Amino acid sequence: MIRTPTSILIADRIKRSGLTQEEVARLLGVGRCSVNQLVNNKRRISTIMAIRLSDVFGKTPEWWLYRQADWDLLKAGR
């Protein structure tokens, strides 16, 4: 399975923060499974998740949503 740029970005930010997925999940206010699914490309970034990611990792919610939309458009064009 090809990993999305978004899942790679999230995994990279988790790694750079020195936090575990469980700790990130707690900061995001979601279950660890949700974070794991994002990292492993099994879940898309929703509007609410974009806001949460913005609060924890910076950037704007729009930035996170644009990354997801770029991937979705690329995939749809295949």
PDB file of N, CA and C in Angstrom:
ATOM      1  N   MET A   1       0.845  -1.184   0.000  1.00  0.00           N
ATOM      2  CA  MET A   1       0.000   0.000   0.000  1.00  0.00           C
ATOM      3  C   MET A   1       0.886   1.242   0.000  1.00  0.00           C
ATOM      4  N   ILE A   2       0.532   2.192  -0.840  1.00  0.00           N
ATOM      5  CA  ILE A   2       1.249   3.458  -0.890  1.00  0.00           C
ATOM      6  C   ILE A   2       0.770   4.322   0.268  1.00  0.00           C
ATOM      7  N   ARG A   3       1.724   4.858   1.012  1.00  0.00           N
ATOM      8  CA  ARG A   3       1.366   5.746   2.119  1.00  0.00           C
ATOM      9  C   ARG A   3       1.121   7.136   1.583  1.00  0.00           C
ATOM     10  N   THR A   4       0.101   7.772   2.115  1.00  0.00           N
ATOM     11  CA  THR A   4      -0.207   9.133   1.686  1.00  0.00           C
ATOM     12  C   THR A   4       0.810  10.106   2.262  1.00  0.00           C
ATOM     13  N   PRO A   5       1.014  11.225   1.581  1.00  0.00           N
ATOM     14  CA  PRO A   5       1.880  12.254   2.152  1.00  0.00           C
ATOM     15  C   PRO A   5       1.402  12.672   3.544  1.00  0.00           C
ATOM     16  N   THR A   6       0.083  12.674   3.735  1.00  0.00           N
ATOM     17  CA  THR A   6      -0.468  13.072   5.031  1.00  0.00           C
ATOM     18  C   THR A   6      -0.077  12.086   6.119  1.00  0.00           C
ATOM     19  N   SER A   7      -0.188  10.793   5.847  1.00  0.00           N
ATOM     20  CA  SER A   7       0.178   9.806   6.872  1.00  0.00           C
ATOM     21  C   SER A   7       1.665   9.893   7.187  1.00  0.00           C
ATOM     22  N   ILE A   8       2.473  10.163   6.174  1.00  0.00           N
ATOM     23  CA  ILE A   8       3.915  10.312   6.398  1.00  0.00           C
ATOM     24  C   ILE A   8       4.193  11.559   7.230  1.00  0.00           C
ATOM     25  N   LEU A   9       3.496  12.664   6.916  1.00  0.00           N
ATOM     26  CA  LEU A   9       3.671  13.895   7.691  1.00  0.00           C
ATOM     27  C   LEU A   9       3.321  13.690   9.159  1.00  0.00           C
ATOM     28  N   ILE A  10       2.212  13.029   9.400  1.00  0.00           N
ATOM     29  CA  ILE A  10       1.785  12.797  10.788  1.00  0.00           C
ATOM     30  C   ILE A  10       2.794  11.905  11.501  1.00  0.00           C
ATOM     31  N   ALA A  11       3.228  10.831  10.847  1.00  0.00           N
ATOM     32  CA  ALA A  11       4.217   9.934  11.459  1.00  0.00           C
ATOM     33  C   ALA A  11       5.506  10.691  11.764  1.00  0.00           C
ATOM     34  N   ASP A  12       5.933  11.547  10.829  1.00  0.00           N
ATOM     35  CA  ASP A  12       7.143  12.334  11.023  1.00  0.00           C
ATOM     36  C   ASP A  12       6.994  13.302  12.190  1.00  0.00           C
ATOM     37  N   ARG A  13       5.861  13.950  12.282  1.00  0.00           N
ATOM     38  CA  ARG A  13       5.653  14.899  13.385  1.00  0.00           C
ATOM     39  C   ARG A  13       5.584  14.188  14.739  1.00  0.00           C
ATOM     40  N   ILE A  14       4.994  13.006  14.760  1.00  0.00           N
ATOM     41  CA  ILE A  14       4.969  12.231  16.001  1.00  0.00           C
ATOM     42  C   ILE A  14       6.397  11.858  16.396  1.00  0.00           C
ATOM     43  N   LYS A  15       7.159  11.395  15.422  1.00  0.00           N
ATOM     44  CA  LYS A  15       8.540  10.991  15.694  1.00  0.00           C
ATOM     45  C   LYS A  15       9.368  12.169  16.195  1.00  0.00           C
ATOM     46  N   ARG A  16       9.253  13.322  15.498  1.00  0.00           N
ATOM     47  CA  ARG A  16      10.030  14.498  15.902  1.00  0.00           C
ATOM     48  C   ARG A  16       9.622  15.034  17.271  1.00  0.00           C
ATOM     49  N   SER A  17       8.355  14.844  17.638  1.00  0.00           N
ATOM     50  CA  SER A  17       7.888  15.356  18.930  1.00  0.00           C
ATOM     51  C   SER A  17       8.398  14.500  20.088  1.00  0.00           C
ATOM     52  N   GLY A  18       8.848  13.280  19.778  1.00  0.00           N
ATOM     53  CA  GLY A  18       9.315  12.380  20.825  1.00  0.00           C
ATOM     54  C   GLY A  18       8.178  11.762  21.626  1.00  0.00           C
ATOM     55  N   LEU A  19       6.961  11.904  21.119  1.00  0.00           N
ATOM     56  CA  LEU A  19       5.793  11.358  21.809  1.00  0.00           C
ATOM     57  C   LEU A  19       5.399  10.013  21.198  1.00  0.00           C
ATOM     58  N   THR A  20       4.708   9.223  21.962  1.00  0.00           N
ATOM     59  CA  THR A  20       4.151   7.985  21.440  1.00  0.00           C
ATOM     60  C   THR A  20       2.803   8.290  20.777  1.00  0.00           C
ATOM     61  N   GLN A  21       2.308   7.330  20.004  1.00  0.00           N
ATOM     62  CA  GLN A  21       0.988   7.511  19.415  1.00  0.00           C
ATOM     63  C   GLN A  21      -0.065   7.663  20.510  1.00  0.00           C
ATOM     64  N   GLU A  22       0.106   6.959  21.597  1.00  0.00           N
ATOM     65  CA  GLU A  22      -0.848   7.067  22.704  1.00  0.00           C
ATOM     66  C   GLU A  22      -0.845   8.468  23.299  1.00  0.00           C
ATOM     67  N   GLU A  23       0.338   9.050  23.467  1.00  0.00           N
ATOM     68  CA  GLU A  23       0.428  10.410  24.005  1.00  0.00           C
ATOM     69  C   GLU A  23      -0.168  11.431  23.038  1.00  0.00           C
ATOM     70  N   VAL A  24       0.079  11.241  21.755  1.00  0.00           N
ATOM     71  CA  VAL A  24      -0.493  12.138  20.749  1.00  0.00           C
ATOM     72  C   VAL A  24      -2.013  12.013  20.750  1.00  0.00           C
ATOM     73  N   ALA A  25      -2.497  10.788  20.860  1.00  0.00           N
ATOM     74  CA  ALA A  25      -3.952  10.569  20.908  1.00  0.00           C
ATOM     75  C   ALA A  25      -4.569  11.325  22.080  1.00  0.00           C
ATOM     76  N   ARG A  26      -3.909  11.278  23.211  1.00  0.00           N
ATOM     77  CA  ARG A  26      -4.415  11.983  24.398  1.00  0.00           C
ATOM     78  C   ARG A  26      -4.444  13.494  24.136  1.00  0.00           C
ATOM     79  N   LEU A  27      -3.387  14.025  23.505  1.00  0.00           N
ATOM     80  CA  LEU A  27      -3.344  15.455  23.187  1.00  0.00           C
ATOM     81  C   LEU A  27      -4.421  15.840  22.174  1.00  0.00           C
ATOM     82  N   LEU A  28      -4.694  14.936  21.234  1.00  0.00           N
ATOM     83  CA  LEU A  28      -5.713  15.199  20.216  1.00  0.00           C
ATOM     84  C   LEU A  28      -7.131  14.987  20.742  1.00  0.00           C
ATOM     85  N   GLY A  29      -7.239  14.264  21.845  1.00  0.00           N
ATOM     86  CA  GLY A  29      -8.562  13.961  22.384  1.00  0.00           C
ATOM     87  C   GLY A  29      -9.267  12.850  21.630  1.00  0.00           C
ATOM     88  N   VAL A  30      -8.469  11.912  21.099  1.00  0.00           N
ATOM     89  CA  VAL A  30      -9.015  10.765  20.365  1.00  0.00           C
ATOM     90  C   VAL A  30      -8.383   9.488  20.899  1.00  0.00           C
ATOM     91  N   GLY A  31      -8.872   8.360  20.438  1.00  0.00           N
ATOM     92  CA  GLY A  31      -8.280   7.086  20.830  1.00  0.00           C
ATOM     93  C   GLY A  31      -6.987   6.819  20.076  1.00  0.00           C
ATOM     94  N   ARG A  32      -6.127   5.995  20.661  1.00  0.00           N
ATOM     95  CA  ARG A  32      -4.863   5.633  20.017  1.00  0.00           C
ATOM     96  C   ARG A  32      -5.092   4.998  18.657  1.00  0.00           C
ATOM     97  N   CYS A  33      -6.174   4.261  18.536  1.00  0.00           N
ATOM     98  CA  CYS A  33      -6.510   3.604  17.272  1.00  0.00           C
ATOM     99  C   CYS A  33      -6.686   4.630  16.149  1.00  0.00           C
ATOM    100  N   SER A  34      -7.286   5.759  16.447  1.00  0.00           N
ATOM    101  CA  SER A  34      -7.476   6.810  15.433  1.00  0.00           C
ATOM    102  C   SER A  34      -6.146   7.339  14.928  1.00  0.00           C
ATOM    103  N   VAL A  35      -5.215   7.565  15.842  1.00  0.00           N
ATOM    104  CA  VAL A  35      -3.888   8.050  15.448  1.00  0.00           C
ATOM    105  C   VAL A  35      -3.177   6.981  14.624  1.00  0.00           C
ATOM    106  N   ASN A  36      -3.246   5.747  15.078  1.00  0.00           N
ATOM    107  CA  ASN A  36      -2.612   4.652  14.357  1.00  0.00           C
ATOM    108  C   ASN A  36      -3.184   4.511  12.948  1.00  0.00           C
ATOM    109  N   GLN A  37      -4.477   4.678  12.813  1.00  0.00           N
ATOM    110  CA  GLN A  37      -5.105   4.580  11.489  1.00  0.00           C
ATOM    111  C   GLN A  37      -4.661   5.727  10.573  1.00  0.00           C
ATOM    112  N   LEU A  38      -4.489   6.920  11.114  1.00  0.00           N
ATOM    113  CA  LEU A  38      -3.968   8.035  10.317  1.00  0.00           C
ATOM    114  C   LEU A  38      -2.550   7.756   9.847  1.00  0.00           C
ATOM    115  N   VAL A  39      -1.714   7.298  10.768  1.00  0.00           N
ATOM    116  CA  VAL A  39      -0.319   7.012  10.449  1.00  0.00           C
ATOM    117  C   VAL A  39      -0.219   5.900   9.408  1.00  0.00           C
ATOM    118  N   ASN A  40      -1.094   4.919   9.490  1.00  0.00           N
ATOM    119  CA  ASN A  40      -1.045   3.768   8.591  1.00  0.00           C
ATOM    120  C   ASN A  40      -1.971   3.892   7.383  1.00  0.00           C
ATOM    121  N   ASN A  41      -2.405   5.106   7.108  1.00  0.00           N
ATOM    122  CA  ASN A  41      -3.168   5.386   5.899  1.00  0.00           C
ATOM    123  C   ASN A  41      -4.494   4.637   5.825  1.00  0.00           C
ATOM    124  N   LYS A  42      -5.135   4.452   6.963  1.00  0.00           N
ATOM    125  CA  LYS A  42      -6.423   3.771   6.988  1.00  0.00           C
ATOM    126  C   LYS A  42      -7.552   4.712   7.370  1.00  0.00           C
ATOM    127  N   ARG A  43      -7.222   5.983   7.526  1.00  0.00           N
ATOM    128  CA  ARG A  43      -8.221   6.985   7.886  1.00  0.00           C
ATOM    129  C   ARG A  43      -7.838   8.304   7.240  1.00  0.00           C
ATOM    130  N   ARG A  44      -8.834   8.990   6.716  1.00  0.00           N
ATOM    131  CA  ARG A  44      -8.621  10.309   6.121  1.00  0.00           C
ATOM    132  C   ARG A  44      -8.668  11.374   7.212  1.00  0.00           C
ATOM    133  N   ILE A  45      -8.121  12.521   6.908  1.00  0.00           N
ATOM    134  CA  ILE A  45      -8.186  13.642   7.841  1.00  0.00           C
ATOM    135  C   ILE A  45      -9.518  14.349   7.645  1.00  0.00           C
ATOM    136  N   SER A  46     -10.313  14.359   8.686  1.00  0.00           N
ATOM    137  CA  SER A  46     -11.597  15.068   8.669  1.00  0.00           C
ATOM    138  C   SER A  46     -11.365  16.519   9.078  1.00  0.00           C
ATOM    139  N   THR A  47     -12.386  17.314   8.955  1.00  0.00           N
ATOM    140  CA  THR A  47     -12.300  18.714   9.361  1.00  0.00           C
ATOM    141  C   THR A  47     -11.959  18.830  10.846  1.00  0.00           C
ATOM    142  N   ILE A  48     -12.639  18.043  11.657  1.00  0.00           N
ATOM    143  CA  ILE A  48     -12.380  18.073  13.108  1.00  0.00           C
ATOM    144  C   ILE A  48     -10.953  17.630  13.408  1.00  0.00           C
ATOM    145  N   MET A  49     -10.491  16.575  12.729  1.00  0.00           N
ATOM    146  CA  MET A  49      -9.128  16.099  12.960  1.00  0.00           C
ATOM    147  C   MET A  49      -8.120  17.147  12.507  1.00  0.00           C
ATOM    148  N   ALA A  50      -8.401  17.855  11.420  1.00  0.00           N
ATOM    149  CA  ALA A  50      -7.500  18.913  10.957  1.00  0.00           C
ATOM    150  C   ALA A  50      -7.340  19.993  12.020  1.00  0.00           C
ATOM    151  N   ILE A  51      -8.426  20.346  12.667  1.00  0.00           N
ATOM    152  CA  ILE A  51      -8.369  21.337  13.745  1.00  0.00           C
ATOM    153  C   ILE A  51      -7.525  20.800  14.902  1.00  0.00           C
ATOM    154  N   ARG A  52      -7.744  19.556  15.251  1.00  0.00           N
ATOM    155  CA  ARG A  52      -6.980  18.945  16.357  1.00  0.00           C
ATOM    156  C   ARG A  52      -5.494  18.848  16.012  1.00  0.00           C
ATOM    157  N   LEU A  53      -5.184  18.413  14.785  1.00  0.00           N
ATOM    158  CA  LEU A  53      -3.780  18.323  14.366  1.00  0.00           C
ATOM    159  C   LEU A  53      -3.124  19.700  14.387  1.00  0.00           C
ATOM    160  N   SER A  54      -3.862  20.707  13.970  1.00  0.00           N
ATOM    161  CA  SER A  54      -3.360  22.073  13.989  1.00  0.00           C
ATOM    162  C   SER A  54      -3.017  22.512  15.411  1.00  0.00           C
ATOM    163  N   ASP A  55      -3.896  22.191  16.350  1.00  0.00           N
ATOM    164  CA  ASP A  55      -3.663  22.555  17.753  1.00  0.00           C
ATOM    165  C   ASP A  55      -2.425  21.877  18.323  1.00  0.00           C
ATOM    166  N   VAL A  56      -2.183  20.634  17.925  1.00  0.00           N
ATOM    167  CA  VAL A  56      -1.070  19.871  18.499  1.00  0.00           C
ATOM    168  C   VAL A  56       0.234  20.078  17.734  1.00  0.00           C
ATOM    169  N   PHE A  57       0.185  20.060  16.396  1.00  0.00           N
ATOM    170  CA  PHE A  57       1.400  20.083  15.596  1.00  0.00           C
ATOM    171  C   PHE A  57       1.645  21.393  14.859  1.00  0.00           C
ATOM    172  N   GLY A  58       0.729  22.339  14.979  1.00  0.00           N
ATOM    173  CA  GLY A  58       0.910  23.596  14.271  1.00  0.00           C
ATOM    174  C   GLY A  58       0.342  23.534  12.862  1.00  0.00           C
ATOM    175  N   LYS A  59       0.667  24.524  12.076  1.00  0.00           N
ATOM    176  CA  LYS A  59       0.077  24.747  10.758  1.00  0.00           C
ATOM    177  C   LYS A  59      -1.397  25.091  10.976  1.00  0.00           C
ATOM    178  N   THR A  60      -2.090  25.362   9.918  1.00  0.00           N
ATOM    179  CA  THR A  60      -3.512  25.687  10.040  1.00  0.00           C
ATOM    180  C   THR A  60      -4.340  24.450   9.709  1.00  0.00           C
ATOM    181  N   PRO A  61      -5.598  24.428  10.140  1.00  0.00           N
ATOM    182  CA  PRO A  61      -6.445  23.308   9.744  1.00  0.00           C
ATOM    183  C   PRO A  61      -6.533  23.189   8.221  1.00  0.00           C
ATOM    184  N   GLU A  62      -6.557  24.330   7.543  1.00  0.00           N
ATOM    185  CA  GLU A  62      -6.616  24.310   6.078  1.00  0.00           C
ATOM    186  C   GLU A  62      -5.397  23.613   5.485  1.00  0.00           C
ATOM    187  N   TRP A  63      -4.239  23.831   6.067  1.00  0.00           N
ATOM    188  CA  TRP A  63      -3.012  23.199   5.580  1.00  0.00           C
ATOM    189  C   TRP A  63      -3.155  21.684   5.620  1.00  0.00           C
ATOM    190  N   TRP A  64      -3.656  21.174   6.746  1.00  0.00           N
ATOM    191  CA  TRP A  64      -3.843  19.723   6.869  1.00  0.00           C
ATOM    192  C   TRP A  64      -4.881  19.215   5.877  1.00  0.00           C
ATOM    193  N   LEU A  65      -5.975  19.955   5.723  1.00  0.00           N
ATOM    194  CA  LEU A  65      -7.022  19.536   4.780  1.00  0.00           C
ATOM    195  C   LEU A  65      -6.538  19.600   3.335  1.00  0.00           C
ATOM    196  N   TYR A  66      -5.724  20.588   2.991  1.00  0.00           N
ATOM    197  CA  TYR A  66      -5.191  20.673   1.630  1.00  0.00           C
ATOM    198  C   TYR A  66      -4.294  19.478   1.320  1.00  0.00           C
ATOM    199  N   ARG A  67      -3.504  19.049   2.297  1.00  0.00           N
ATOM    200  CA  ARG A  67      -2.658  17.862   2.069  1.00  0.00           C
ATOM    201  C   ARG A  67      -3.536  16.656   1.749  1.00  0.00           C
ATOM    202  N   GLN A  68      -4.627  16.508   2.507  1.00  0.00           N
ATOM    203  CA  GLN A  68      -5.538  15.388   2.270  1.00  0.00           C
ATOM    204  C   GLN A  68      -6.212  15.533   0.902  1.00  0.00           C
ATOM    205  N   ALA A  69      -6.666  16.735   0.584  1.00  0.00           N
ATOM    206  CA  ALA A  69      -7.349  16.973  -0.700  1.00  0.00           C
ATOM    207  C   ALA A  69      -6.405  16.746  -1.871  1.00  0.00           C
ATOM    208  N   ASP A  70      -5.152  17.178  -1.761  1.00  0.00           N
ATOM    209  CA  ASP A  70      -4.175  16.954  -2.826  1.00  0.00           C
ATOM    210  C   ASP A  70      -4.033  15.464  -3.109  1.00  0.00           C
ATOM    211  N   TRP A  71      -3.927  14.684  -2.041  1.00  0.00           N
ATOM    212  CA  TRP A  71      -3.790  13.237  -2.198  1.00  0.00           C
ATOM    213  C   TRP A  71      -5.048  12.638  -2.827  1.00  0.00           C
ATOM    214  N   ASP A  72      -6.198  13.058  -2.352  1.00  0.00           N
ATOM    215  CA  ASP A  72      -7.458  12.532  -2.886  1.00  0.00           C
ATOM    216  C   ASP A  72      -7.581  12.816  -4.384  1.00  0.00           C
ATOM    217  N   LEU A  73      -7.203  14.027  -4.801  1.00  0.00           N
ATOM    218  CA  LEU A  73      -7.272  14.377  -6.214  1.00  0.00           C
ATOM    219  C   LEU A  73      -6.268  13.579  -7.045  1.00  0.00           C
ATOM    220  N   LEU A  74      -5.083  13.408  -6.520  1.00  0.00           N
ATOM    221  CA  LEU A  74      -4.075  12.622  -7.220  1.00  0.00           C
ATOM    222  C   LEU A  74      -4.564  11.175  -7.411  1.00  0.00           C
ATOM    223  N   LYS A  75      -5.102  10.622  -6.341  1.00  0.00           N
ATOM    224  CA  LYS A  75      -5.599   9.247  -6.382  1.00  0.00           C
ATOM    225  C   LYS A  75      -6.777   9.115  -7.353  1.00  0.00           C
ATOM    226  N   ALA A  76      -7.660  10.099  -7.378  1.00  0.00           N
ATOM    227  CA  ALA A  76      -8.836  10.048  -8.254  1.00  0.00           C
ATOM    228  C   ALA A  76      -8.431  10.154  -9.724  1.00  0.00           C
ATOM    229  N   GLY A  77      -7.311  10.820  -9.983  1.00  0.00           N
ATOM    230  CA  GLY A  77      -6.857  10.982 -11.360  1.00  0.00           C
ATOM    231  C   GLY A  77      -6.177   9.760 -11.937  1.00  0.00           C
ATOM    232  N   ARG A  78      -5.911   8.773 -11.111  1.00  0.00           N
ATOM    233  CA  ARG A  78      -5.215   7.561 -11.583  1.00  0.00           C
ATOM    234  C   ARG A  78      -6.125   6.662 -12.332  1.00  0.00           C
TER     235      ARG A  78
END
